[in-house]
Every structure is written in structure tokens, then in C-alpha cells.
Amino acid sequence: MNDFLAARSQMALSLGFHIVFSCIGMVMPFFMAIAHFLYIRTGNDIYKNITRAWSKGVAIFFATGAVSGTVLSFELGLLWPGFMKHAGPIFGMPFSLEGTAFFIEAIALGFFLYGWGRFNQWFHWITGVVVGISGLVSGILVVAANAWMNSPAGFDFVNGQYLNIDPIKAMFNDAWFSQALHMCIAAFAATGFAVAGIHALMILRKRNIAFHTTAFRIPALFACIAAILQPLSGDISAKDVARRQPAKLAAMEAHFKTEPASPLVLGGMPDPVAKEVKYGVEIPGLLSFMVYSDFHTPVKGLDQIPENDQPPVAITHYAFQIMVGLGMIMLGIALCYFVAIIRKKSWLRMPWLLRLFVIATPMGFIAVEAGWTVTEVGRQPWIINGVMRTADAVTPMPGIAYSFYIFTAVYISLSLIVTFLLYRQIRMVPEIYDIQTPSL
């Protein structure tokens, strides 16, 4: 493994772990705040116990997210000094604001965790809401920085120099809204299905049924709403990519040839040498319609993009197909759940519906990982789209492969520790959380 590949692999590994921690940190506080609100309004101790149980999970993922996020900030400077030398002054604002949001989140979480019985109940609840809002804002700010890499703005690139820097314009670049919208909805879908799936499993195993049934409803509702909205945000994002990054769209769709009535390819195995997709199903004109709302307008293919500017087609296409396929499965589960709520309430007591949520437990996060693979691999060979190549930004220092091996071991260990802590929290439900406050 050469140092360039090792640097990219280490960054991919760090982002792959951090995005899971971040999604949960962005969404779980809202679940926690809703359960807390329902406890205050109803006085039902089950909601209080759910709130306290979920708050421990929020604390675990806040700590791990802080660690993995700090590692990423150092990796940007150490692995990609050529990038940060020029990009830091331009897109540094969202990172500095994200740091502010992080500190607000940390303070509010401390108030919430240790505020039981010490604060006014509504002030206590507000601190939980602040945890969720600040976490969500942190995520949006980081996505805005990544969007700048896909749609650079806020500077003039003249003779290799970055001039007339405007950090506000850089932060609110053309891609920030579509990416932030898509990412936020994805976080709610992924976290919602994961949490609902765990509670569904406990219901199927007949463990603390009242606790887990009540807890299941909150994330299930959010997950299903997000799963229905996600295709809409995906359409907005894909149209934006088609306009700004035609090479990425062509790789996503394995679209080799520019032609009228461009077909949409479902599945298949791209062959970059033969410039074709084997075993795929083509739907004539559908790609043109999805991009331009017209069945005949040609969509730019890879044949109009220089080979040294083309992203890896196979990885990008497979990741995109995985993301879309899992998104459609979650959409189907969401529709079943809403039919059950509105028309077929007997379905809510059926084991098969709970099993669907159990099966969907990892799907959202797999889709998120696939989506970020599309975002990052699909931008290659650029680290700043159309401005700086990734190979020109990497550190000249040797021995990066050893760093990659060490960080791989660290992240695997961290994931095992987090898994153990969450497993212990689930096992402790009967002893700590599924209890009723005795009447006075």
C-alpha cells in the first residue's frame, strides 16, 4: 500500500466511523426530548424511563463522536497539508462555527444528564432540545464544508493563487442546501430504523414489552416519515449533481454514452474498458426525464469527460445502487407502517411488521455509508472539484500505511467498546429503566 492510498484509506475509515456516531448524535436527542415531553405532559413513568435510557445512549455517542471528530480534524491537516494550506482560510468558517455548536451541545447535555430533580422541569426539557438542535446544526455546518469541496465558491483562482476570499459565500455554496437536506433526512431515517429495530427485537423476544412498545413508536414514526421524504431530497440532490458534477452523475448511473433519451440503468456490472454495463436493466429516456424533466434531452456521459478526470465508475455505481435499493426497501416498510396506523391497526400487533423493522436495523447506516462513498469517490480525482487534485494535496511524509493500520485497530476497538456499552444498556432495562415510581 503506497502512502497516497494509505492516506485516502485512513480518511475513509475515519469518516466511515464518524458518520455513524454523528448521525446518532444528531437525531437521538430529539427522540429523547420527545419522550421527555410526553412524560411531562402525561406523568407516565414509562416515558421518563425511556428518556433516561436514551440519554445514556446520547452520552455514549457524544463522547465517541467527539473523539472521532477530533481525530478527523487533525487528519485533515496532517494527511492533506496541500489542501488545508489553501482551503483552510476559505472554508474554515463552518468548522469554527461547528466548534461553537459542539460546546453548546456539551454544556446542554451536562445540564440534561445531571438536571433530574434539580431544575424546573420545562427548563430541563429545553436543555435536551438544545442538545438536539446544536447537534443538528453541527452536522449541517460540517456538510456545508464538504459541499464546498464539491462546489467551490467564495474565491477567485488566478494563476494558482486563491484570491478575493469570501468565507460567507464559501459556506453557503451552491451545494450546501441539497447536501444538508439529504444528509439530515438520512440521519433521521438511519437512526430511527436502528433504534426502532432494536426495540422491535426486544418486543419479539417478549422482554419488557410495555417499555419497548412505547419506545418503539417514537423512532419508528420519525424513521418512516424520513424514508418517505428521502427520495424527494435525493431527487433534488441528484439534479444538483447533474448540473455541477456531470462526471459524478455519469459514474453514479454508469452512463458511458451521451445520447438522446438517455436510459436509466438498474443494477448491472459496469465495464469501464468496454464502456458498457453488463446484466443491467435499461429503461429508455428515464435518466433524461429524472435530470431534465424531459424524456429526450441527452445527459452528459463519460464519453465527453477526459479519462484522467473520470471518477472510479464501478465503486461509485455500486455504492449508488446500494443506497437507492436500501432506500426503496425502507420506503416500502414506511408505507406498510402508515397503512397499519391509518387503515389496518391489526397489523401493529403482527410479528411480521416488527420483523421488518428488525431486518431494517442496519439498512439506514449502510445506505449512509454508501451515500458518502458516492459523494467522495464520485468527486475523484479532485479534492476541490475542478481546482485541486487529491494527489496534489497529500502529505509528502512517508510511513502513512503504518498510521492507517494503527487507526484501523483503534477504530475497531472503539466500535467494540461502544457495542458493549450499548448491549449493557439494553440488558439493564429490566433492572434500571423498566420500573414504575411507587405511588405516594
Protein backbone atom coordinates (compact mmCIF):
# COMPACT_ATOMS: atom_id res chain seq x y z
CA MET A 1 0.00 0.00 0.00
CA ASN A 2 1.54 3.32 -1.09
CA ASP A 3 1.24 6.42 1.05
CA PHE A 4 -1.38 8.07 -1.16
CA LEU A 5 -3.69 5.07 -0.95
CA ALA A 6 -2.99 4.76 2.78
CA ALA A 7 -3.93 8.42 3.37
CA ARG A 8 -7.17 8.02 1.43
CA SER A 9 -7.95 4.75 3.23
CA GLN A 10 -7.32 6.28 6.65
CA MET A 11 -9.57 9.22 5.85
CA ALA A 12 -12.27 6.88 4.54
CA LEU A 13 -12.04 4.72 7.66
CA SER A 14 -12.28 7.72 9.99
CA LEU A 15 -15.21 9.22 8.09
CA GLY A 16 -16.93 5.84 7.90
CA PHE A 17 -16.97 5.50 11.69
CA HIS A 18 -17.59 9.16 12.45
CA ILE A 19 -20.63 9.44 10.21
CA VAL A 20 -22.42 6.75 12.24
CA PHE A 21 -21.63 8.47 15.54
CA SER A 22 -22.64 11.83 14.05
CA CYS A 23 -25.99 10.63 12.70
CA ILE A 24 -26.96 9.17 16.06
CA GLY A 25 -25.72 12.28 17.87
CA MET A 26 -27.80 14.49 15.57
CA VAL A 27 -31.05 12.52 15.95
CA MET A 28 -31.20 10.67 19.27
CA PRO A 29 -31.51 13.87 21.36
CA PHE A 30 -34.76 14.66 19.53
CA PHE A 31 -36.16 11.21 20.36
CA MET A 32 -35.05 11.78 23.94
CA ALA A 33 -36.71 15.22 24.06
CA ILE A 34 -40.00 13.89 22.70
CA ALA A 35 -40.11 11.10 25.28
CA HIS A 36 -39.30 13.67 27.98
CA PHE A 37 -42.05 15.99 26.72
CA LEU A 38 -44.58 13.15 26.82
CA TYR A 39 -43.53 12.34 30.39
CA ILE A 40 -44.03 15.95 31.50
CA ARG A 41 -47.44 16.14 29.81
CA THR A 42 -48.76 12.71 30.88
CA GLY A 43 -46.83 11.85 34.05
CA ASN A 44 -46.37 8.33 32.66
CA ASP A 45 -43.21 6.89 34.21
CA ILE A 46 -42.54 4.74 31.14
CA TYR A 47 -41.72 7.89 29.17
CA LYS A 48 -39.41 9.05 31.95
CA ASN A 49 -37.60 5.73 31.96
CA ILE A 50 -37.29 5.77 28.17
CA THR A 51 -35.86 9.30 28.35
CA ARG A 52 -33.25 8.29 30.91
CA ALA A 53 -32.30 5.17 28.98
CA TRP A 54 -31.91 7.05 25.71
CA SER A 55 -29.98 9.86 27.41
CA LYS A 56 -27.28 7.34 28.34
CA GLY A 57 -27.02 6.35 24.70
CA VAL A 58 -26.77 10.01 23.71
CA ALA A 59 -23.92 10.46 26.19
CA ILE A 60 -22.07 7.42 24.82
CA PHE A 61 -22.29 8.58 21.22
CA PHE A 62 -21.49 12.18 22.14
CA ALA A 63 -18.23 11.03 23.70
CA THR A 64 -17.27 8.74 20.82
CA GLY A 65 -18.31 11.35 18.26
CA ALA A 66 -16.14 13.94 19.98
CA VAL A 67 -13.15 11.60 19.82
CA SER A 68 -13.62 10.59 16.20
CA GLY A 69 -14.35 14.18 15.15
CA THR A 70 -11.18 15.43 16.82
CA VAL A 71 -9.18 12.76 15.01
CA LEU A 72 -10.67 13.86 11.69
CA SER A 73 -9.75 17.50 12.28
CA PHE A 74 -6.12 16.51 12.86
CA GLU A 75 -6.12 14.17 9.86
CA LEU A 76 -7.17 16.99 7.54
CA GLY A 77 -4.05 18.92 8.44
CA LEU A 78 -1.62 16.00 8.77
CA LEU A 79 -2.68 13.91 5.77
CA TRP A 80 -3.71 16.70 3.40
CA PRO A 81 -1.49 19.73 4.11
CA GLY A 82 -1.61 20.88 0.50
CA PHE A 83 -5.38 21.06 0.74
CA MET A 84 -5.59 22.81 4.11
CA LYS A 85 -2.89 25.33 3.17
CA HIS A 86 -5.21 26.85 0.59
CA ALA A 87 -8.68 25.68 1.68
CA GLY A 88 -8.40 26.48 5.40
CA PRO A 89 -8.86 30.26 5.08
CA ILE A 90 -11.73 29.77 2.64
CA PHE A 91 -13.96 27.13 4.23
CA GLY A 92 -12.76 27.38 7.82
CA MET A 93 -15.83 29.32 8.97
CA PRO A 94 -18.26 26.35 9.13
CA PHE A 95 -15.67 24.38 11.11
CA SER A 96 -15.22 27.19 13.64
CA LEU A 97 -18.99 27.58 13.98
CA GLU A 98 -19.30 23.82 14.35
CA GLY A 99 -16.90 24.03 17.28
CA THR A 100 -19.15 26.61 18.91
CA ALA A 101 -22.21 24.40 18.37
CA PHE A 102 -20.27 21.48 19.84
CA PHE A 103 -19.51 23.35 23.06
CA ILE A 104 -23.14 24.44 23.38
CA GLU A 105 -24.18 20.82 22.91
CA ALA A 106 -21.72 19.66 25.56
CA ILE A 107 -22.96 22.20 28.12
CA ALA A 108 -26.62 21.45 27.42
CA LEU A 109 -26.01 17.69 27.64
CA GLY A 110 -24.34 18.14 31.01
CA PHE A 111 -27.33 20.13 32.25
CA PHE A 112 -29.71 17.48 30.97
CA LEU A 113 -27.90 14.44 32.34
CA TYR A 114 -27.45 15.91 35.83
CA GLY A 115 -30.54 18.08 35.96
CA TRP A 116 -33.10 15.49 37.05
CA GLY A 117 -34.80 16.82 40.18
CA ARG A 118 -32.58 19.92 40.22
CA PHE A 119 -34.10 22.17 37.52
CA ASN A 120 -37.57 23.32 36.65
CA GLN A 121 -38.99 20.51 34.52
CA TRP A 122 -39.53 22.71 31.45
CA PHE A 123 -36.04 24.24 31.68
CA HIS A 124 -34.69 20.70 31.98
CA TRP A 125 -36.62 19.71 28.87
CA ILE A 126 -35.32 22.75 26.96
CA THR A 127 -31.73 21.71 27.67
CA GLY A 128 -32.47 18.40 25.94
CA VAL A 129 -33.93 20.22 22.95
CA VAL A 130 -30.81 22.40 22.79
CA VAL A 131 -28.69 19.22 22.65
CA GLY A 132 -30.63 18.12 19.58
CA ILE A 133 -30.63 21.50 17.83
CA SER A 134 -26.92 22.11 18.39
CA GLY A 135 -26.08 18.59 17.22
CA LEU A 136 -28.15 19.07 14.08
CA VAL A 137 -26.54 22.46 13.41
CA SER A 138 -23.09 20.87 13.85
CA GLY A 139 -23.93 18.28 11.23
CA ILE A 140 -25.23 20.88 8.78
CA LEU A 141 -22.09 23.00 9.18
CA VAL A 142 -19.76 20.06 8.51
CA VAL A 143 -21.82 19.08 5.46
CA ALA A 144 -21.57 22.71 4.24
CA ALA A 145 -17.77 22.39 4.38
CA ASN A 146 -17.91 19.14 2.42
CA ALA A 147 -20.33 20.71 -0.06
CA TRP A 148 -17.72 23.42 -0.71
CA MET A 149 -15.32 20.71 -1.86
CA ASN A 150 -17.96 19.61 -4.39
CA SER A 151 -18.99 23.13 -5.37
CA PRO A 152 -16.10 25.50 -4.58
CA ALA A 153 -17.09 29.13 -4.16
CA GLY A 154 -16.01 32.26 -2.30
CA PHE A 155 -12.66 32.84 -4.04
CA ASP A 156 -11.04 33.56 -7.38
CA PHE A 157 -8.46 31.07 -8.62
CA VAL A 158 -5.91 33.06 -10.62
CA ASN A 159 -2.52 31.71 -11.70
CA GLY A 160 -2.55 29.12 -8.93
CA GLN A 161 -3.45 31.71 -6.29
CA TYR A 162 -6.64 31.82 -4.19
CA LEU A 163 -7.72 35.46 -4.18
CA ASN A 164 -10.70 37.59 -3.09
CA ILE A 165 -11.74 35.14 -0.38
CA ASP A 166 -15.34 35.36 0.84
CA PRO A 167 -15.96 32.84 3.69
CA ILE A 168 -19.72 33.51 3.77
CA LYS A 169 -20.11 32.74 0.08
CA ALA A 170 -17.92 29.68 0.54
CA MET A 171 -20.08 28.35 3.37
CA PHE A 172 -23.35 28.97 1.53
CA ASN A 173 -22.14 27.45 -1.72
CA ASP A 174 -24.47 26.07 -4.38
CA ALA A 175 -24.38 22.54 -2.96
CA TRP A 176 -24.80 23.13 0.76
CA PHE A 177 -28.60 23.11 0.91
CA SER A 178 -29.21 19.97 -1.16
CA GLN A 179 -26.45 18.05 0.64
CA ALA A 180 -27.51 19.20 4.10
CA LEU A 181 -31.16 18.37 3.44
CA HIS A 182 -30.31 14.92 2.11
CA MET A 183 -27.92 14.20 4.98
CA CYS A 184 -30.29 15.34 7.74
CA ILE A 185 -33.17 13.25 6.43
CA ALA A 186 -30.80 10.29 6.01
CA ALA A 187 -29.68 10.67 9.64
CA PHE A 188 -33.28 10.55 10.87
CA ALA A 189 -34.07 7.53 8.71
CA ALA A 190 -30.92 5.61 9.66
CA THR A 191 -31.09 6.33 13.38
CA GLY A 192 -34.86 5.88 13.52
CA PHE A 193 -34.80 2.45 11.88
CA ALA A 194 -31.83 1.34 14.01
CA VAL A 195 -33.46 2.33 17.31
CA ALA A 196 -36.90 1.07 16.31
CA GLY A 197 -35.36 -2.20 15.14
CA ILE A 198 -33.69 -2.82 18.49
CA HIS A 199 -36.92 -2.19 20.38
CA ALA A 200 -38.84 -4.35 17.90
CA LEU A 201 -36.42 -7.20 18.56
CA MET A 202 -36.99 -6.90 22.29
CA ILE A 203 -40.77 -6.98 21.75
CA LEU A 204 -40.47 -10.12 19.64
CA ARG A 205 -38.42 -11.70 22.42
CA LYS A 206 -41.17 -10.67 24.89
CA ARG A 207 -38.86 -8.66 27.09
CA ASN A 208 -40.28 -5.63 28.93
CA ILE A 209 -43.00 -5.35 26.32
CA ALA A 210 -44.68 -2.19 27.66
CA PHE A 211 -41.37 -0.32 27.81
CA HIS A 212 -40.16 -1.38 24.37
CA THR A 213 -43.55 -0.97 22.68
CA THR A 214 -43.80 2.61 23.92
CA ALA A 215 -40.19 3.30 22.98
CA PHE A 216 -40.62 1.72 19.53
CA ARG A 217 -43.31 4.15 18.39
CA ILE A 218 -41.21 7.34 18.56
CA PRO A 219 -38.24 6.33 16.37
CA ALA A 220 -40.47 4.27 14.07
CA LEU A 221 -42.59 7.32 13.25
CA PHE A 222 -39.57 9.52 12.56
CA ALA A 223 -37.89 6.80 10.50
CA CYS A 224 -40.94 6.27 8.32
CA ILE A 225 -41.53 9.97 7.72
CA ALA A 226 -37.85 10.37 6.78
CA ALA A 227 -37.95 7.31 4.49
CA ILE A 228 -40.84 8.86 2.56
CA LEU A 229 -39.16 12.28 2.30
CA GLN A 230 -35.74 10.90 1.36
CA PRO A 231 -36.49 10.12 -2.31
CA LEU A 232 -37.66 13.72 -2.74
CA SER A 233 -34.46 15.13 -1.25
CA GLY A 234 -32.49 12.60 -3.31
CA ASP A 235 -34.10 13.93 -6.47
CA ILE A 236 -33.12 17.49 -5.51
CA SER A 237 -29.57 16.36 -4.78
CA ALA A 238 -29.22 14.34 -7.99
CA LYS A 239 -30.43 17.23 -10.15
CA ASP A 240 -27.89 19.47 -8.42
CA VAL A 241 -25.10 16.94 -9.06
CA ALA A 242 -26.11 16.70 -12.72
CA ARG A 243 -25.69 20.45 -13.06
CA ARG A 244 -22.43 20.88 -11.13
CA GLN A 245 -20.68 17.48 -11.32
CA PRO A 246 -21.71 15.70 -14.53
CA ALA A 247 -18.80 13.26 -14.18
CA LYS A 248 -20.11 12.13 -10.80
CA LEU A 249 -23.64 11.64 -12.14
CA ALA A 250 -22.32 9.68 -15.11
CA ALA A 251 -20.35 7.40 -12.75
CA MET A 252 -23.33 7.01 -10.41
CA GLU A 253 -25.51 5.86 -13.28
CA ALA A 254 -22.69 4.10 -15.20
CA HIS A 255 -23.71 6.34 -18.10
CA PHE A 256 -20.94 5.87 -20.65
CA LYS A 257 -22.52 7.30 -23.81
CA THR A 258 -24.11 10.70 -24.35
CA GLU A 259 -27.31 10.15 -26.29
CA PRO A 260 -30.89 11.43 -26.58
CA ALA A 261 -33.42 9.66 -24.39
CA SER A 262 -30.64 8.65 -22.01
CA PRO A 263 -31.58 5.39 -20.28
CA LEU A 264 -31.62 4.72 -16.56
CA VAL A 265 -29.65 1.57 -15.69
CA LEU A 266 -30.87 -0.61 -12.84
CA GLY A 267 -28.21 -2.86 -11.35
CA GLY A 268 -25.62 -4.34 -13.67
CA MET A 269 -21.84 -4.54 -13.67
CA PRO A 270 -20.02 -1.59 -15.28
CA ASP A 271 -17.17 -2.48 -17.64
CA PRO A 272 -15.03 0.69 -17.98
CA VAL A 273 -12.90 -0.94 -20.68
CA ALA A 274 -15.78 -1.93 -22.92
CA LYS A 275 -17.73 1.21 -21.92
CA GLU A 276 -20.88 -0.77 -21.16
CA VAL A 277 -22.95 -2.15 -18.31
CA LYS A 278 -23.39 -5.91 -18.29
CA TYR A 279 -26.51 -7.57 -16.89
CA GLY A 280 -28.21 -4.24 -16.15
CA VAL A 281 -31.79 -3.32 -16.94
CA GLU A 282 -32.13 -0.20 -19.10
CA ILE A 283 -35.24 2.00 -19.05
CA PRO A 284 -35.01 4.27 -22.11
CA GLY A 285 -35.36 8.00 -21.53
CA LEU A 286 -35.87 7.76 -17.78
CA LEU A 287 -32.47 9.26 -16.85
CA SER A 288 -33.17 12.22 -19.14
CA PHE A 289 -36.56 12.68 -17.51
CA MET A 290 -35.19 12.46 -13.97
CA VAL A 291 -32.48 15.04 -14.69
CA TYR A 292 -34.23 17.44 -17.07
CA SER A 293 -37.95 16.54 -16.73
CA ASP A 294 -37.84 15.67 -20.41
CA PHE A 295 -37.54 12.21 -21.94
CA HIS A 296 -35.37 13.28 -24.90
CA THR A 297 -32.71 15.69 -23.59
CA PRO A 298 -29.26 13.99 -23.64
CA VAL A 299 -27.50 13.50 -20.31
CA LYS A 300 -23.74 14.05 -20.44
CA GLY A 301 -21.93 10.73 -20.40
CA LEU A 302 -18.40 9.68 -19.58
CA ASP A 303 -17.51 9.80 -23.29
CA GLN A 304 -17.47 13.61 -23.04
CA ILE A 305 -15.21 13.69 -19.97
CA PRO A 306 -11.41 13.26 -20.24
CA GLU A 307 -10.34 9.90 -18.82
CA ASN A 308 -7.97 11.45 -16.29
CA ASP A 309 -10.94 13.47 -14.91
CA GLN A 310 -13.27 10.49 -14.55
CA PRO A 311 -14.07 9.02 -11.12
CA PRO A 312 -13.90 5.25 -10.46
CA VAL A 313 -17.09 4.09 -12.17
CA ALA A 314 -17.64 0.68 -10.59
CA ILE A 315 -17.32 1.75 -6.95
CA THR A 316 -19.46 4.85 -7.46
CA HIS A 317 -22.16 2.93 -9.36
CA TYR A 318 -22.33 0.03 -6.90
CA ALA A 319 -22.48 2.38 -3.90
CA PHE A 320 -25.23 4.43 -5.54
CA GLN A 321 -27.25 1.31 -6.35
CA ILE A 322 -26.91 0.07 -2.76
CA MET A 323 -28.03 3.43 -1.38
CA VAL A 324 -31.06 3.65 -3.67
CA GLY A 325 -32.01 -0.01 -3.22
CA LEU A 326 -31.96 0.18 0.57
CA GLY A 327 -33.81 3.48 0.43
CA MET A 328 -36.60 1.83 -1.56
CA ILE A 329 -36.82 -1.03 0.94
CA MET A 330 -37.12 1.41 3.84
CA LEU A 331 -39.73 3.35 1.87
CA GLY A 332 -41.74 0.14 1.47
CA ILE A 333 -41.55 -0.56 5.22
CA ALA A 334 -42.61 3.03 5.94
CA LEU A 335 -45.66 2.70 3.71
CA CYS A 336 -46.62 -0.57 5.42
CA TYR A 337 -46.32 1.10 8.82
CA PHE A 338 -48.50 4.04 7.86
CA VAL A 339 -51.10 1.72 6.36
CA ALA A 340 -51.07 -0.12 9.68
CA ILE A 341 -51.53 3.11 11.65
CA ILE A 342 -54.27 4.54 9.44
CA ARG A 343 -56.22 1.63 7.99
CA LYS A 344 -55.01 -1.74 9.31
CA LYS A 345 -54.44 -1.33 13.04
CA SER A 346 -54.43 -5.10 13.47
CA TRP A 347 -51.09 -5.13 11.63
CA LEU A 348 -49.50 -3.31 14.57
CA ARG A 349 -49.86 -6.49 16.62
CA MET A 350 -48.45 -8.73 13.89
CA PRO A 351 -44.94 -10.14 14.36
CA TRP A 352 -44.17 -9.76 10.65
CA LEU A 353 -44.31 -5.96 10.88
CA LEU A 354 -41.87 -5.95 13.80
CA ARG A 355 -39.61 -8.34 11.89
CA LEU A 356 -39.47 -5.86 9.01
CA PHE A 357 -38.13 -3.23 11.39
CA VAL A 358 -35.62 -5.71 12.83
CA ILE A 359 -34.39 -6.51 9.31
CA ALA A 360 -34.13 -2.79 8.57
CA THR A 361 -32.00 -2.07 11.67
CA PRO A 362 -28.67 -1.73 9.77
CA MET A 363 -30.10 -0.63 6.43
CA GLY A 364 -30.12 3.09 7.07
CA PHE A 365 -26.50 3.21 8.12
CA ILE A 366 -25.39 1.01 5.23
CA ALA A 367 -27.21 3.44 2.92
CA VAL A 368 -25.50 6.40 4.63
CA GLU A 369 -22.07 4.80 4.17
CA ALA A 370 -22.89 4.07 0.53
CA GLY A 371 -24.07 7.64 0.03
CA TRP A 372 -20.87 9.10 1.40
CA THR A 373 -18.90 6.73 -0.82
CA VAL A 374 -20.76 8.19 -3.79
CA THR A 375 -20.05 11.73 -2.58
CA GLU A 376 -16.33 11.24 -2.02
CA VAL A 377 -15.33 8.65 -4.62
CA GLY A 378 -17.57 10.29 -7.21
CA ARG A 379 -15.63 13.57 -6.82
CA GLN A 380 -12.29 11.96 -7.62
CA PRO A 381 -9.70 12.71 -8.87
CA TRP A 382 -10.44 16.11 -7.28
CA ILE A 383 -10.24 17.09 -3.63
CA ILE A 384 -11.56 20.56 -4.60
CA ASN A 385 -13.78 19.91 -7.57
CA GLY A 386 -12.15 21.23 -10.75
CA VAL A 387 -9.45 23.12 -8.82
CA MET A 388 -7.10 20.81 -6.89
CA ARG A 389 -6.43 17.12 -7.44
CA THR A 390 -6.35 14.78 -4.47
CA ALA A 391 -2.86 13.55 -5.39
CA ASP A 392 -1.53 17.13 -5.16
CA ALA A 393 -2.89 17.60 -1.64
CA VAL A 394 -1.47 14.55 0.14
CA THR A 395 1.37 14.82 2.64
CA PRO A 396 4.90 14.05 1.39
CA MET A 397 5.74 12.37 4.69
CA PRO A 398 6.45 8.60 4.41
CA GLY A 399 5.03 5.81 6.55
CA ILE A 400 1.34 6.68 6.26
CA ALA A 401 0.49 3.00 5.83
CA TYR A 402 1.55 2.29 9.43
CA SER A 403 -0.66 5.12 10.63
CA PHE A 404 -3.56 3.57 8.73
CA TYR A 405 -3.01 0.18 10.40
CA ILE A 406 -2.86 1.77 13.86
CA PHE A 407 -6.01 3.81 13.34
CA THR A 408 -7.81 0.77 11.98
CA ALA A 409 -7.08 -1.06 15.24
CA VAL A 410 -8.14 1.99 17.27
CA TYR A 411 -11.47 2.35 15.49
CA ILE A 412 -12.24 -1.35 15.66
CA SER A 413 -11.54 -1.24 19.39
CA LEU A 414 -13.69 1.85 19.79
CA SER A 415 -16.59 0.21 17.95
CA LEU A 416 -16.33 -2.89 20.14
CA ILE A 417 -16.40 -0.74 23.29
CA VAL A 418 -19.44 1.20 22.05
CA THR A 419 -21.21 -2.05 21.13
CA PHE A 420 -20.51 -3.45 24.59
CA LEU A 421 -21.80 -0.32 26.33
CA LEU A 422 -24.99 -0.29 24.28
CA TYR A 423 -25.53 -4.00 24.83
CA ARG A 424 -25.14 -3.46 28.55
CA GLN A 425 -27.67 -0.62 28.45
CA ILE A 426 -30.20 -2.89 26.75
CA ARG A 427 -29.57 -5.67 29.25
CA MET A 428 -30.05 -3.22 32.14
CA VAL A 429 -33.54 -2.16 31.05
CA PRO A 430 -35.36 -4.56 33.47
CA GLU A 431 -33.20 -3.54 36.44
CA ILE A 432 -32.91 0.22 35.94
CA TYR A 433 -35.34 1.61 33.38
CA ASP A 434 -38.49 -0.52 33.20
CA ILE A 435 -39.64 0.37 36.69
CA GLN A 436 -42.59 2.32 37.98
CA THR A 437 -42.33 5.08 40.57
CA PRO A 438 -44.31 3.94 43.62
CA SER A 439 -47.41 5.95 44.45
CA LEU A 440 -47.18 8.20 47.50
